[in-house]
């Protein structure tokens, strides 16, 4: 996990509270729905919790006083304060070509926000201090108006019966890194449209590619990719997988032409040596390591959950000993709509695999031409339920689709643009289930249902739509989301609320449907509505805001709603 400030004061106070309580790491972890290894890192300064709710839960279990709670809030805010804004932005990318206007009311074209490749950030003490004070004020207001009781699991949301939200929480940053893409290229070229993070897989960087013979390493592809990501100023996640044939000669082969095996290595010492060499070479240059790809599918992993848990334990220990700031992501789990996927996940948890990770990776099923992206919510909910039952409370990272994505029919044009944007919006909707990071699959190739940008070509409409969405939410904070009648919305309608949106001093929401159309209404102050295609229009007080499969940014207060179920797909 990236830390902008000093975790020392927070760690010292947490350690003091823990020792005073007499609770073991294991017991305190059980009570706060996290892992003992995570707690140990928090209490020793190895990492900082992403969510203050966990800090507050630990403090309450340890019997912290009100004064100690206030001190914890200050220390946590200082340790997680954002880095400074870049001082010398790069030249902006060319704006998207104008799209045809969409009714109603004489829409006008708005430019795509410029892509900025920030240099490595430098801390600015005054800015960081002010940001920390603002954040602490919000945290303390939450602490004084409610929170977790003793023994209650920390949750980043509370469920409401209506009022436009299914869940709501004190606004916390969307973060540009949430908008990730998987790289299907080994040249080191980065997307020419705006993205927030990159993932290396299907990029010539599997274990079999990097160590073709025992002890002989071929780092050139990964060197190029890491250098490209650093030039672009985006954090990089490397996904591991694809055992070299020499390390598992009798194992079943993967789908790839590199001769890699889906089996774990016959001798785990080979795995240890590879992970150590990898982490040593890229110390401080790779943000995170995903410790296997699609472990629930035998095309990618044919071993047992017990062996995988042991591989994760070893790799996590090595990575942290070499690069303490790196984020360790547990192997991705797919097939979440079938009994087999959650069953493997539970077994991996039972053997202690998740105790060693900072995040858990998921592979929800996606079928862009036939299913709306919102169907991912069912997969995320299934995984969250299985993890919760296993006592795992780590953040969730969506690192790609399930295995069969490359065999699905293509989607192009405006439907592809809407799907890609709604993929990210659906993941943001799932923030209440701890979903922190999401990577669209993929960039650079043509053999996927939705092409963002083939290497050497211009960005597609889908890429421009994602870029516009990220521009809308640059610097924004998410405060809640709603869907359907439970949130007081039409059954096909979705929306998320944001603060800090440029040009929306009164706050903003993004609304869309999973099919058909619906109507929101502007409040008494009216609304300025912007669409993904670049068109915009103004609605007077109480005016109708029609929504469909194309997400719309509605800059104004909370609307009332009316709606109807439309026929046919609204993508």
Protein backbone atom coordinates (compact mmCIF):
# COMPACT_ATOMS: atom_id res chain seq x y z
CA UNK A 1 0.00 0.00 0.00
CA UNK A 2 1.26 3.46 -0.90
CA UNK A 3 1.76 5.68 2.12
CA UNK A 4 2.25 9.43 1.76
CA UNK A 5 3.04 10.21 5.41
CA UNK A 6 4.85 8.73 8.41
CA UNK A 7 3.05 5.65 9.82
CA UNK A 8 5.18 5.67 12.98
CA UNK A 9 2.92 7.64 15.38
CA UNK A 10 -0.16 5.66 14.34
CA UNK A 11 1.68 2.35 14.72
CA UNK A 12 3.07 3.31 18.12
CA UNK A 13 -0.35 4.21 19.53
CA UNK A 14 -1.98 1.07 18.08
CA UNK A 15 0.79 -1.07 19.58
CA UNK A 16 0.36 0.63 22.96
CA UNK A 17 -3.41 0.03 22.92
CA UNK A 18 -2.97 -3.59 21.87
CA UNK A 19 -0.45 -4.32 24.63
CA UNK A 20 -2.59 -2.58 27.23
CA UNK A 21 -5.64 -4.65 26.25
CA UNK A 22 -3.83 -7.95 26.72
CA UNK A 23 -5.38 -9.27 23.49
CA UNK A 24 -3.31 -11.39 21.14
CA UNK A 25 -3.03 -10.47 17.47
CA UNK A 26 -5.15 -13.50 16.61
CA UNK A 27 -7.96 -12.60 19.01
CA UNK A 28 -7.95 -8.92 18.05
CA UNK A 29 -8.03 -9.89 14.37
CA UNK A 30 -10.98 -12.22 14.99
CA UNK A 31 -12.92 -9.44 16.72
CA UNK A 32 -12.25 -6.86 14.00
CA UNK A 33 -12.67 -9.15 10.98
CA UNK A 34 -9.15 -8.78 9.64
CA UNK A 35 -6.01 -10.92 9.77
CA UNK A 36 -3.36 -11.16 12.46
CA UNK A 37 -0.60 -10.51 9.91
CA UNK A 38 -2.31 -7.31 8.78
CA UNK A 39 -2.71 -6.16 12.38
CA UNK A 40 0.94 -6.86 13.05
CA UNK A 41 1.94 -4.66 10.10
CA UNK A 42 -0.35 -1.86 11.30
CA UNK A 43 1.11 -2.01 14.81
CA UNK A 44 4.71 -2.06 13.62
CA UNK A 45 4.42 0.55 10.87
CA UNK A 46 4.73 -1.87 7.97
CA UNK A 47 1.54 -0.55 6.39
CA UNK A 48 -1.44 1.68 7.14
CA UNK A 49 -5.12 0.60 7.03
CA UNK A 50 -6.89 1.92 3.93
CA UNK A 51 -10.12 2.55 5.87
CA UNK A 52 -10.26 4.43 9.18
CA UNK A 53 -13.20 2.24 10.23
CA UNK A 54 -10.72 -0.58 10.91
CA UNK A 55 -8.53 1.70 13.05
CA UNK A 56 -11.60 2.72 15.06
CA UNK A 57 -12.71 -0.90 15.49
CA UNK A 58 -9.29 -1.94 16.80
CA UNK A 59 -9.25 1.02 19.17
CA UNK A 60 -12.68 0.20 20.59
CA UNK A 61 -11.77 -3.45 21.14
CA UNK A 62 -8.69 -2.25 23.03
CA UNK A 63 -10.74 0.14 25.20
CA UNK A 64 -9.37 3.40 23.77
CA UNK A 65 -10.46 6.64 25.42
CA UNK A 66 -12.07 9.52 23.51
CA UNK A 67 -8.75 11.38 23.62
CA UNK A 68 -6.92 8.36 22.20
CA UNK A 69 -9.55 8.05 19.45
CA UNK A 70 -8.96 11.66 18.45
CA UNK A 71 -5.20 11.08 18.40
CA UNK A 72 -5.65 7.99 16.22
CA UNK A 73 -7.75 9.99 13.75
CA UNK A 74 -5.03 12.64 13.52
CA UNK A 75 -2.24 10.07 13.08
CA UNK A 76 -4.19 8.09 10.45
CA UNK A 77 -5.01 11.24 8.47
CA UNK A 78 -1.36 12.33 8.54
CA UNK A 79 -0.17 8.88 7.44
CA UNK A 80 -2.61 8.67 4.53
CA UNK A 81 -2.64 12.31 3.39
CA UNK A 82 -2.43 12.56 -0.42
CA UNK A 83 0.80 13.54 -2.12
CA UNK A 84 1.17 16.92 -3.77
CA UNK A 85 -0.30 17.78 -7.14
CA UNK A 86 2.19 17.41 -10.02
CA UNK A 87 4.11 20.62 -10.64
CA UNK A 88 4.93 20.23 -14.34
CA UNK A 89 2.11 18.52 -16.22
CA UNK A 90 2.80 16.99 -19.58
CA UNK A 91 1.16 18.25 -22.73
CA UNK A 92 -2.50 17.25 -22.88
CA UNK A 93 -3.66 14.54 -25.23
CA UNK A 94 -5.76 15.53 -28.19
CA UNK A 95 -9.46 15.72 -27.36
CA UNK A 96 -11.89 13.14 -28.67
CA UNK A 97 -13.56 13.73 -31.99
CA UNK A 98 -16.93 15.42 -31.60
CA UNK A 99 -19.86 13.07 -31.22
CA UNK A 100 -23.27 13.72 -32.63
CA UNK A 101 -25.48 15.68 -30.22
CA UNK A 102 -28.15 13.91 -28.26
CA UNK A 103 -31.41 15.50 -27.33
CA UNK A 104 -32.82 17.28 -25.47
CA UNK A 105 -32.09 21.02 -25.52
CA UNK A 106 -29.38 21.95 -28.01
CA UNK A 107 -26.45 20.00 -26.55
CA UNK A 108 -22.95 21.44 -26.84
CA UNK A 109 -19.65 19.65 -27.07
CA UNK A 110 -17.38 19.63 -24.00
CA UNK A 111 -13.71 18.69 -24.30
CA UNK A 112 -12.19 15.52 -22.92
CA UNK A 113 -10.15 16.43 -19.82
CA UNK A 114 -6.45 16.46 -20.69
CA UNK A 115 -4.32 13.44 -19.90
CA UNK A 116 -1.58 14.35 -17.47
CA UNK A 117 1.40 12.12 -16.84
CA UNK A 118 2.56 13.31 -13.43
CA UNK A 119 6.18 13.17 -12.37
CA UNK A 120 7.09 11.32 -9.23
CA UNK A 121 5.26 13.20 -6.48
CA UNK A 122 7.01 15.44 -3.98
CA UNK A 123 5.55 16.08 -0.57
CA UNK A 124 4.42 19.58 0.28
CA UNK A 125 4.12 19.79 4.07
CA UNK A 126 1.60 22.64 4.18
CA UNK A 127 -0.71 21.08 1.60
CA UNK A 128 -0.53 17.69 3.27
CA UNK A 129 -1.18 19.19 6.68
CA UNK A 130 -4.25 21.08 5.45
CA UNK A 131 -5.58 17.98 3.73
CA UNK A 132 -5.06 16.00 6.91
CA UNK A 133 -6.92 18.58 9.00
CA UNK A 134 -9.88 18.59 6.62
CA UNK A 135 -10.00 14.81 6.62
CA UNK A 136 -9.71 14.59 10.39
CA UNK A 137 -12.59 17.02 10.82
CA UNK A 138 -14.77 14.66 8.83
CA UNK A 139 -13.52 11.61 10.72
CA UNK A 140 -14.14 13.19 14.09
CA UNK A 141 -17.65 14.18 13.05
CA UNK A 142 -18.30 10.53 12.21
CA UNK A 143 -16.82 9.41 15.51
CA UNK A 144 -19.04 11.75 17.50
CA UNK A 145 -22.26 10.89 15.67
CA UNK A 146 -22.04 7.12 15.61
CA UNK A 147 -19.87 4.22 14.57
CA UNK A 148 -19.07 0.65 15.42
CA UNK A 149 -20.03 -0.93 18.69
CA UNK A 150 -17.69 -3.35 20.41
CA UNK A 151 -17.38 -6.58 18.46
CA UNK A 152 -19.08 -5.23 15.33
CA UNK A 153 -17.28 -5.79 12.03
CA UNK A 154 -16.03 -2.59 10.37
CA UNK A 155 -18.07 -1.81 7.25
CA UNK A 156 -17.48 1.06 4.84
CA UNK A 157 -21.21 1.62 4.33
CA UNK A 158 -24.60 1.46 5.96
CA UNK A 159 -27.65 0.17 4.13
CA UNK A 160 -30.57 2.55 3.85
CA UNK A 161 -34.19 1.80 3.02
CA UNK A 162 -34.52 4.65 0.53
CA UNK A 163 -33.68 8.28 -0.16
CA UNK A 164 -31.71 7.59 -3.35
CA UNK A 165 -28.93 5.44 -1.85
CA UNK A 166 -28.54 1.73 -1.23
CA UNK A 167 -25.48 2.59 0.84
CA UNK A 168 -23.91 5.83 2.05
CA UNK A 169 -20.73 6.81 3.84
CA UNK A 170 -18.63 9.85 4.65
CA UNK A 171 -17.14 10.73 1.23
CA UNK A 172 -13.77 9.16 0.54
CA UNK A 173 -11.50 9.57 -2.51
CA UNK A 174 -12.26 7.76 -5.73
CA UNK A 175 -8.54 7.84 -6.58
CA UNK A 176 -7.18 7.79 -10.10
CA UNK A 177 -5.44 4.43 -9.55
CA UNK A 178 -8.88 2.79 -9.43
CA UNK A 179 -9.13 3.19 -13.22
CA UNK A 180 -6.75 0.43 -14.24
CA UNK A 181 -6.13 -1.52 -17.46
CA UNK A 182 -4.37 -4.82 -18.15
CA UNK A 183 -1.53 -4.53 -20.67
CA UNK A 184 -1.53 -6.98 -23.60
CA UNK A 185 1.83 -5.81 -24.93
CA UNK A 186 5.48 -6.20 -23.99
CA UNK A 187 6.89 -3.15 -25.80
CA UNK A 188 6.66 -0.73 -22.90
CA UNK A 189 4.27 1.55 -24.78
CA UNK A 190 1.55 2.90 -22.51
CA UNK A 191 -2.03 3.95 -23.40
CA UNK A 192 -2.27 7.36 -25.08
CA UNK A 193 -5.55 8.04 -23.28
CA UNK A 194 -5.89 8.68 -19.57
CA UNK A 195 -5.60 5.66 -17.24
CA UNK A 196 -4.82 5.48 -13.54
CA UNK A 197 -2.88 2.22 -13.16
CA UNK A 198 -1.65 -0.74 -15.21
CA UNK A 199 -1.51 -4.50 -14.71
CA UNK A 200 1.03 -6.73 -16.44
CA UNK A 201 -0.40 -10.05 -17.69
CA UNK A 202 -0.55 -11.44 -21.23
CA UNK A 203 2.45 -9.17 -21.68
CA UNK A 204 5.31 -11.66 -21.93
CA UNK A 205 5.88 -11.48 -18.19
CA UNK A 206 4.77 -14.88 -16.89
CA UNK A 207 7.23 -16.81 -14.76
CA UNK A 208 8.05 -19.03 -17.75
CA UNK A 209 8.91 -15.92 -19.79
CA UNK A 210 11.05 -14.31 -17.10
CA UNK A 211 13.00 -17.45 -16.06
CA UNK A 212 13.12 -19.72 -19.14
CA UNK A 213 15.85 -21.85 -17.53
CA UNK A 214 16.57 -22.34 -13.85
CA UNK A 215 18.60 -19.39 -12.61
CA UNK A 216 18.69 -17.65 -16.02
CA UNK A 217 16.48 -14.58 -16.18
CA UNK A 218 15.09 -12.67 -19.16
CA UNK A 219 14.00 -9.38 -17.63
CA UNK A 220 13.87 -7.28 -20.82
CA UNK A 221 10.05 -7.35 -21.38
CA UNK A 222 9.30 -6.46 -17.78
CA UNK A 223 12.05 -3.82 -17.75
CA UNK A 224 10.37 -2.11 -20.71
CA UNK A 225 6.92 -2.23 -19.13
CA UNK A 226 8.08 -0.96 -15.74
CA UNK A 227 10.01 1.88 -17.38
CA UNK A 228 6.96 2.80 -19.47
CA UNK A 229 4.69 2.86 -16.43
CA UNK A 230 7.14 5.07 -14.55
CA UNK A 231 7.36 7.50 -17.46
CA UNK A 232 3.56 7.66 -17.54
CA UNK A 233 3.41 8.17 -13.77
CA UNK A 234 1.05 5.23 -13.14
CA UNK A 235 1.43 2.46 -10.53
CA UNK A 236 2.04 -1.05 -11.86
CA UNK A 237 0.74 -4.43 -10.70
CA UNK A 238 2.57 -7.57 -11.85
CA UNK A 239 0.54 -10.78 -11.96
CA UNK A 240 2.44 -14.04 -11.45
CA UNK A 241 1.61 -17.39 -13.03
CA UNK A 242 2.72 -19.82 -15.70
CA UNK A 243 5.23 -22.18 -14.07
CA UNK A 244 8.25 -22.86 -16.31
CA UNK A 245 8.25 -26.37 -17.80
CA UNK A 246 11.61 -27.10 -16.16
CA UNK A 247 10.05 -26.48 -12.71
CA UNK A 248 7.03 -28.76 -13.26
CA UNK A 249 7.89 -31.07 -16.18
CA UNK A 250 5.01 -33.48 -15.59
CA UNK A 251 2.32 -30.85 -14.98
CA UNK A 252 -0.51 -29.98 -17.40
CA UNK A 253 0.21 -27.19 -19.83
CA UNK A 254 -1.43 -23.78 -19.74
CA UNK A 255 -3.20 -22.24 -22.72
CA UNK A 256 -0.10 -20.28 -23.68
CA UNK A 257 2.48 -21.02 -26.36
CA UNK A 258 5.38 -20.45 -23.97
CA UNK A 259 5.25 -24.07 -22.78
CA UNK A 260 4.32 -23.02 -19.25
CA UNK A 261 2.69 -25.40 -16.81
CA UNK A 262 -0.48 -24.88 -14.78
CA UNK A 263 0.98 -26.98 -11.97
CA UNK A 264 2.82 -25.52 -9.00
CA UNK A 265 6.58 -26.13 -9.09
CA UNK A 266 7.75 -29.54 -7.92
CA UNK A 267 10.18 -27.82 -5.57
CA UNK A 268 8.86 -24.66 -3.90
CA UNK A 269 12.45 -23.51 -3.41
CA UNK A 270 12.41 -22.65 -7.13
CA UNK A 271 9.42 -20.39 -6.48
CA UNK A 272 11.20 -18.76 -3.55
CA UNK A 273 14.30 -17.99 -5.61
CA UNK A 274 12.25 -16.52 -8.46
CA UNK A 275 10.16 -14.28 -6.19
CA UNK A 276 13.27 -13.03 -4.39
CA UNK A 277 15.06 -12.22 -7.64
CA UNK A 278 11.94 -10.47 -8.96
CA UNK A 279 11.27 -8.38 -5.86
CA UNK A 280 14.94 -7.43 -5.56
CA UNK A 281 15.20 -6.23 -9.15
CA UNK A 282 12.00 -4.16 -9.06
CA UNK A 283 12.11 -2.94 -5.46
CA UNK A 284 10.35 0.42 -5.28
CA UNK A 285 9.31 0.25 -8.96
CA UNK A 286 6.40 -2.21 -8.86
CA UNK A 287 3.53 -1.10 -6.65
CA UNK A 288 1.97 -4.54 -6.20
CA UNK A 289 2.28 -8.27 -6.86
CA UNK A 290 -0.74 -10.50 -7.64
CA UNK A 291 0.48 -13.92 -6.58
CA UNK A 292 -1.30 -16.04 -9.23
CA UNK A 293 -3.80 -15.53 -12.03
CA UNK A 294 -7.23 -17.22 -12.06
CA UNK A 295 -6.45 -19.88 -9.49
CA UNK A 296 -9.97 -21.34 -9.76
CA UNK A 297 -9.46 -22.51 -13.35
CA UNK A 298 -7.31 -25.55 -14.13
CA UNK A 299 -6.14 -23.92 -17.36
CA UNK A 300 -4.14 -21.59 -15.08
CA UNK A 301 -3.63 -23.51 -11.82
CA UNK A 302 -4.00 -27.27 -11.37
CA UNK A 303 -2.65 -27.62 -7.84
CA UNK A 304 -4.43 -27.75 -4.50
CA UNK A 305 -5.63 -24.80 -2.40
CA UNK A 306 -3.23 -25.94 0.33
CA UNK A 307 -0.21 -25.71 -1.96
CA UNK A 308 -1.31 -22.33 -3.28
CA UNK A 309 -1.71 -21.01 0.27
CA UNK A 310 1.83 -22.15 1.05
CA UNK A 311 3.16 -20.49 -2.13
CA UNK A 312 1.42 -17.25 -1.09
CA UNK A 313 2.83 -17.45 2.44
CA UNK A 314 6.36 -17.85 1.11
CA UNK A 315 6.05 -15.18 -1.58
CA UNK A 316 4.47 -12.61 0.75
CA UNK A 317 7.23 -13.11 3.32
CA UNK A 318 9.92 -12.67 0.66
CA UNK A 319 8.34 -9.63 -0.99
CA UNK A 320 7.91 -7.84 2.34
CA UNK A 321 11.46 -8.64 3.41
CA UNK A 322 12.77 -7.07 0.20
CA UNK A 323 10.23 -4.29 -0.49
CA UNK A 324 8.15 -3.43 2.57
CA UNK A 325 6.08 -0.85 0.71
CA UNK A 326 4.83 -3.27 -1.97
CA UNK A 327 1.21 -4.40 -1.87
CA UNK A 328 0.68 -8.17 -1.82
CA UNK A 329 -2.48 -9.27 -3.64
CA UNK A 330 -3.76 -12.81 -3.16
CA UNK A 331 -4.41 -14.96 -6.27
CA UNK A 332 -7.44 -13.99 -8.34
CA UNK A 333 -10.56 -16.14 -8.02
CA UNK A 334 -13.10 -16.59 -10.80
CA UNK A 335 -16.03 -18.90 -11.63
CA UNK A 336 -17.90 -17.06 -8.92
CA UNK A 337 -21.37 -17.98 -10.24
CA UNK A 338 -20.64 -21.69 -9.97
CA UNK A 339 -20.17 -23.77 -6.79
CA UNK A 340 -16.54 -24.49 -7.69
CA UNK A 341 -15.22 -20.93 -7.54
CA UNK A 342 -16.43 -19.99 -4.04
CA UNK A 343 -15.54 -23.51 -2.81
CA UNK A 344 -11.91 -23.10 -3.91
CA UNK A 345 -11.85 -19.62 -2.36
CA UNK A 346 -13.10 -20.99 0.97
CA UNK A 347 -10.54 -23.80 0.93
CA UNK A 348 -7.73 -21.35 0.18
CA UNK A 349 -8.93 -19.24 3.12
CA UNK A 350 -9.17 -22.29 5.37
CA UNK A 351 -5.51 -23.07 4.69
CA UNK A 352 -4.57 -19.52 5.71
CA UNK A 353 -3.85 -18.06 2.28
CA UNK A 354 -5.51 -14.71 2.91
CA UNK A 355 -3.62 -14.13 6.16
CA UNK A 356 -0.59 -13.03 4.18
CA UNK A 357 -2.15 -10.56 1.72
CA UNK A 358 -3.10 -6.89 1.65
CA UNK A 359 -5.90 -7.43 -0.89
CA UNK A 360 -7.91 -10.26 -2.46
CA UNK A 361 -8.26 -10.43 -6.26
CA UNK A 362 -11.48 -11.38 -8.07
CA UNK A 363 -12.34 -12.30 -11.68
CA UNK A 364 -16.07 -11.63 -12.17
CA UNK A 365 -17.62 -12.94 -15.36
CA UNK A 366 -18.08 -10.44 -18.19
CA UNK A 367 -19.89 -10.96 -21.50
CA UNK A 368 -20.16 -7.47 -23.03
CA UNK A 369 -22.28 -8.37 -26.06
CA UNK A 370 -24.89 -10.31 -24.07
CA UNK A 371 -24.85 -9.13 -20.45
CA UNK A 372 -24.85 -5.71 -18.84
CA UNK A 373 -21.72 -4.94 -16.78
CA UNK A 374 -23.91 -4.58 -13.69
CA UNK A 375 -24.22 -8.38 -13.60
CA UNK A 376 -20.71 -8.34 -12.10
CA UNK A 377 -22.35 -7.27 -8.85
CA UNK A 378 -23.66 -10.80 -8.27
CA UNK A 379 -20.16 -12.26 -8.60
CA UNK A 380 -18.68 -9.68 -6.24
CA UNK A 381 -21.46 -10.35 -3.72
CA UNK A 382 -20.85 -14.12 -3.90
CA UNK A 383 -17.14 -13.63 -3.31
CA UNK A 384 -17.68 -11.14 -0.50
CA UNK A 385 -20.07 -13.55 1.21
CA UNK A 386 -17.61 -16.43 0.95
CA UNK A 387 -14.76 -14.27 2.24
CA UNK A 388 -16.86 -12.94 5.10
CA UNK A 389 -17.87 -16.46 6.12
CA UNK A 390 -14.17 -17.37 6.13
CA UNK A 391 -13.34 -14.38 8.36
CA UNK A 392 -11.49 -12.48 5.63
CA UNK A 393 -11.90 -8.70 5.48
CA UNK A 394 -9.24 -7.61 2.99
CA UNK A 395 -9.93 -5.02 0.25
CA UNK A 396 -11.02 -6.48 -3.09
CA UNK A 397 -9.29 -5.85 -6.41
CA UNK A 398 -11.06 -6.75 -9.67
CA UNK A 399 -8.09 -7.75 -11.81
CA UNK A 400 -9.92 -8.83 -14.95
CA UNK A 401 -12.72 -10.99 -16.33
CA UNK A 402 -13.23 -14.73 -16.08
CA UNK A 403 -11.34 -17.12 -18.35
CA UNK A 404 -13.74 -17.23 -21.34
CA UNK A 405 -13.68 -13.51 -22.23
CA UNK A 406 -11.54 -14.00 -25.35
CA UNK A 407 -14.15 -16.33 -26.93
CA UNK A 408 -17.02 -13.85 -26.67
CA UNK A 409 -18.43 -11.81 -29.58
CA UNK A 410 -17.21 -8.24 -30.10
CA UNK A 411 -18.92 -5.03 -29.03
CA UNK A 412 -18.11 -1.78 -30.78
CA UNK A 413 -19.09 1.88 -31.01
CA UNK A 414 -21.37 3.56 -28.48
CA UNK A 415 -22.46 0.27 -26.81
CA UNK A 416 -18.80 -0.56 -26.14
CA UNK A 417 -18.18 2.96 -24.80
CA UNK A 418 -21.12 2.69 -22.41
CA UNK A 419 -20.14 -0.81 -21.26
CA UNK A 420 -16.55 0.17 -20.51
CA UNK A 421 -17.59 3.22 -18.48
CA UNK A 422 -20.23 1.24 -16.61
CA UNK A 423 -17.66 -1.45 -15.78
CA UNK A 424 -15.83 1.15 -13.71
CA UNK A 425 -19.06 2.63 -12.32
CA UNK A 426 -20.28 -0.83 -11.27
CA UNK A 427 -16.98 -1.41 -9.48
CA UNK A 428 -17.36 1.98 -7.76
CA UNK A 429 -20.89 0.97 -6.76
CA UNK A 430 -19.33 -2.02 -4.98
CA UNK A 431 -17.14 0.18 -2.77
CA UNK A 432 -19.50 -0.82 0.06
CA UNK A 433 -18.08 -4.35 -0.29
CA UNK A 434 -14.47 -3.07 -0.05
CA UNK A 435 -13.79 -3.02 -3.82
CA UNK A 436 -10.80 -0.66 -4.13
CA UNK A 437 -9.15 -1.27 -7.51
CA UNK A 438 -10.38 -2.45 -10.92
CA UNK A 439 -8.55 -3.29 -14.15
CA UNK A 440 -10.31 -3.39 -17.52
CA UNK A 441 -9.18 -6.19 -19.84
CA UNK A 442 -7.30 -5.19 -21.87
CA UNK A 443 -5.09 -2.65 -23.67
CA UNK A 444 -3.02 -3.26 -26.80
CA UNK A 445 -4.76 -6.26 -28.36
CA UNK A 446 -7.64 -6.90 -30.75
CA UNK A 447 -8.83 -10.37 -29.62
CA UNK A 448 -11.14 -9.08 -26.89
CA UNK A 449 -14.82 -8.09 -27.01
CA UNK A 450 -14.11 -4.40 -26.32
CA UNK A 451 -10.97 -2.86 -27.78
CA UNK A 452 -9.79 0.19 -25.88
CA UNK A 453 -6.78 0.83 -28.06
CA UNK A 454 -4.76 -1.45 -30.29
CA UNK A 455 -1.09 -0.63 -29.99
CA UNK A 456 -0.08 1.89 -32.63
CA UNK A 457 -3.65 3.01 -33.26
CA UNK A 458 -5.87 5.78 -31.94
CA UNK A 459 -7.99 5.21 -28.82
CA UNK A 460 -11.43 3.76 -29.54
CA UNK A 461 -14.72 5.41 -28.49
CA UNK A 462 -14.68 3.06 -25.50
CA UNK A 463 -11.30 4.43 -24.41
CA UNK A 464 -12.49 8.01 -24.86
CA UNK A 465 -15.55 7.26 -22.74
CA UNK A 466 -13.39 5.85 -19.95
CA UNK A 467 -11.11 8.88 -20.20
CA UNK A 468 -14.06 11.25 -19.91
CA UNK A 469 -15.45 9.38 -16.89
CA UNK A 470 -12.06 9.50 -15.16
CA UNK A 471 -11.86 13.21 -15.94
CA UNK A 472 -15.26 13.80 -14.34
CA UNK A 473 -14.09 12.04 -11.19
CA UNK A 474 -10.55 13.44 -11.02
CA UNK A 475 -10.14 14.54 -7.39
CA UNK A 476 -13.72 13.55 -6.51
CA UNK A 477 -14.97 11.65 -3.48
CA UNK A 478 -17.73 9.06 -3.50
CA UNK A 479 -20.38 9.28 -0.80
CA UNK A 480 -22.99 6.70 -1.74
CA UNK A 481 -24.71 4.72 -4.48
CA UNK A 482 -28.18 3.40 -5.15
CA UNK A 483 -29.97 0.96 -7.42
CA UNK A 484 -33.60 0.14 -8.02
CA UNK A 485 -36.69 0.47 -5.89
CA UNK A 486 -34.86 -0.21 -2.63
CA UNK A 487 -33.12 3.13 -3.17
CA UNK A 488 -36.27 4.92 -4.30
CA UNK A 489 -35.22 4.66 -7.96
CA UNK A 490 -36.80 3.00 -10.98
CA UNK A 491 -35.95 -0.73 -11.02
CA UNK A 492 -33.48 -0.35 -13.90
CA UNK A 493 -31.75 2.80 -12.62
CA UNK A 494 -28.36 3.16 -10.92
CA UNK A 495 -26.64 6.21 -9.49
CA UNK A 496 -23.64 7.20 -7.39
CA UNK A 497 -23.10 10.51 -5.54
CA UNK A 498 -19.87 12.48 -5.55
CA UNK A 499 -18.38 15.61 -4.03
CA UNK A 500 -15.38 17.51 -5.33
CA UNK A 501 -16.46 17.26 -8.98
CA UNK A 502 -15.17 20.19 -11.02
CA UNK A 503 -17.95 22.65 -11.84
CA UNK A 504 -20.36 21.05 -9.35
CA UNK A 505 -20.11 23.03 -6.12
CA UNK A 506 -23.41 21.60 -4.89
CA UNK A 507 -22.30 18.01 -5.50
CA UNK A 508 -23.02 15.70 -8.42
CA UNK A 509 -24.30 12.26 -9.24
CA UNK A 510 -23.81 9.92 -12.16
CA UNK A 511 -26.95 8.15 -13.32
CA UNK A 512 -27.50 5.35 -15.82
CA UNK A 513 -29.67 2.28 -16.48
CA UNK A 514 -28.80 -1.37 -17.00
CA UNK A 515 -31.47 -1.56 -19.75
CA UNK A 516 -34.19 0.64 -21.16
CA UNK A 517 -34.70 4.19 -19.94
CA UNK A 518 -35.69 6.02 -16.78
CA UNK A 519 -36.20 9.62 -15.70
CA UNK A 520 -34.60 11.49 -12.83
CA UNK A 521 -35.70 14.99 -11.91
CA UNK A 522 -33.48 17.92 -11.09
CA UNK A 523 -34.06 19.56 -7.73
CA UNK A 524 -35.37 23.12 -7.34
CA UNK A 525 -31.99 24.59 -8.32
CA UNK A 526 -31.92 22.81 -11.69
CA UNK A 527 -29.01 20.81 -13.08
CA UNK A 528 -26.23 20.84 -15.64
CA UNK A 529 -26.08 17.42 -17.36
CA UNK A 530 -23.02 16.07 -19.16
CA UNK A 531 -22.93 12.88 -21.20
CA UNK A 532 -20.13 10.51 -22.10
CA UNK A 533 -20.35 11.46 -25.77
CA UNK A 534 -19.33 15.01 -24.86
CA UNK A 535 -22.74 16.64 -25.18
CA UNK A 536 -24.30 18.67 -22.38
CA UNK A 537 -27.56 20.43 -21.56
CA UNK A 538 -29.20 22.36 -18.75
CA UNK A 539 -32.41 21.44 -16.95
CA UNK A 540 -34.49 23.89 -14.93
CA UNK A 541 -35.70 23.31 -11.39
CA UNK A 542 -37.70 20.09 -11.19
CA UNK A 543 -37.01 19.33 -14.86
CA UNK A 544 -36.79 15.83 -16.29
CA UNK A 545 -33.37 14.22 -16.76
CA UNK A 546 -33.82 11.16 -19.00
CA UNK A 547 -31.17 8.48 -18.50
CA UNK A 548 -30.28 5.33 -20.39
CA UNK A 549 -27.30 3.08 -20.96
CA UNK A 550 -25.01 6.08 -21.49
CA UNK A 551 -23.92 7.40 -18.06
CA UNK A 552 -24.71 11.05 -17.33
CA UNK A 553 -23.08 13.41 -14.86
CA UNK A 554 -25.82 15.47 -13.18
CA UNK A 555 -24.39 18.47 -11.35
CA UNK A 556 -26.93 19.56 -8.72
CA UNK A 557 -28.71 18.37 -5.56
CA UNK A 558 -30.63 15.20 -4.84
CA UNK A 559 -33.29 14.63 -7.52
CA UNK A 560 -36.69 13.10 -7.17
CA UNK A 561 -37.41 10.25 -9.58
CA UNK A 562 -39.95 8.85 -11.97
CA UNK A 563 -39.29 6.10 -14.42
CA UNK A 564 -40.41 3.33 -16.71
CA UNK A 565 -38.91 0.10 -17.82
CA UNK A 566 -37.84 0.39 -21.42
CA UNK A 567 -37.85 -2.44 -23.90
CA UNK A 568 -34.64 -3.83 -25.29
CA UNK A 569 -31.06 -3.21 -24.28
CA UNK A 570 -30.12 0.29 -23.23
CA UNK A 571 -26.39 -0.09 -23.64
